[in-house]
Amino acid sequence: MIKWRKSSRSGSGADGGQECVELASFAGVVGVRDSKAPDVGHLALSAESFARLVAAVKAGELDF
C-alpha cells in the first residue's frame, strides 16, 4: 500500500488546507496527487523532475 502524505502546513491559511497536494514515494518515483480528488489519479515524477518542479514553484515560475 502506498502511503500518501500531506504538508504539515496544509491546514493553515484562509483556505483551511483545501488546495493541497499529497506526495508519496514508490517504485523509484515521487507520486503527486490532488488531496481533494485522490481517486482521480496521480503524476509519477523522477526525483530529478520533482526537484525541478519544486524549484519552479518556489521561484514563482508557474504562477498564473
Protein backbone atom coordinates (compact mmCIF):
# COMPACT_ATOMS: atom_id res chain seq x y z
CA MET A 1 0.00 0.00 0.00
CA ILE A 2 1.26 3.45 -0.93
CA LYS A 3 1.47 5.91 1.97
CA TRP A 4 0.45 9.38 0.81
CA ARG A 5 1.33 12.40 2.95
CA LYS A 6 0.20 16.00 3.03
CA SER A 7 2.25 19.00 4.07
CA SER A 8 2.10 19.85 7.76
CA ARG A 9 1.23 23.37 6.59
CA SER A 10 -1.80 22.21 4.61
CA GLY A 11 -4.25 23.01 7.40
CA SER A 12 -3.21 26.65 7.73
CA GLY A 13 -4.27 29.71 5.82
CA ALA A 14 -7.55 31.12 4.60
CA ASP A 15 -8.44 28.04 2.56
CA GLY A 16 -8.04 25.71 5.54
CA GLY A 17 -5.79 23.43 3.53
CA GLN A 18 -8.33 22.89 0.77
CA GLU A 19 -5.84 23.48 -2.04
CA CYS A 20 -3.28 20.86 -1.24
CA VAL A 21 -1.35 18.10 -2.92
CA GLU A 22 -0.20 14.83 -1.42
CA LEU A 23 3.13 13.13 -2.04
CA ALA A 24 4.29 9.52 -1.94
CA SER A 25 7.50 7.71 -2.78
CA PHE A 26 7.14 4.41 -4.62
CA ALA A 27 8.86 2.37 -7.35
CA GLY A 28 11.71 4.88 -7.56
CA VAL A 29 9.44 7.85 -8.30
CA VAL A 30 7.67 10.64 -6.45
CA GLY A 31 3.89 10.50 -6.73
CA VAL A 32 1.88 13.73 -6.65
CA ARG A 33 -1.91 13.86 -6.39
CA ASP A 34 -4.73 16.28 -5.56
CA SER A 35 -5.84 15.75 -1.97
CA LYS A 36 -9.43 16.70 -2.88
CA ALA A 37 -9.63 14.04 -5.61
CA PRO A 38 -7.28 11.21 -4.65
CA ASP A 39 -9.09 8.62 -6.76
CA VAL A 40 -8.64 10.59 -10.00
CA GLY A 41 -5.01 9.55 -10.33
CA HIS A 42 -1.54 10.92 -9.77
CA LEU A 43 1.58 12.13 -11.51
CA ALA A 44 4.68 9.98 -11.23
CA LEU A 45 7.88 12.02 -11.46
CA SER A 46 11.53 11.07 -11.21
CA ALA A 47 13.32 12.59 -8.22
CA GLU A 48 15.12 14.95 -10.61
CA SER A 49 11.88 16.09 -12.28
CA PHE A 50 10.22 16.57 -8.90
CA ALA A 51 13.14 18.70 -7.70
CA ARG A 52 12.85 20.87 -10.84
CA LEU A 53 9.08 21.22 -10.26
CA VAL A 54 9.58 22.31 -6.65
CA ALA A 55 12.27 24.82 -7.71
CA ALA A 56 9.97 26.28 -10.37
CA VAL A 57 7.10 26.60 -7.89
CA LYS A 58 9.33 28.30 -5.31
CA ALA A 59 10.63 30.71 -7.98
CA GLY A 60 7.07 31.65 -8.96
CA GLU A 61 7.60 30.39 -12.50
CA LEU A 62 4.26 28.56 -12.53
CA ASP A 63 2.07 31.34 -11.17
CA PHE A 64 -0.81 32.20 -13.44
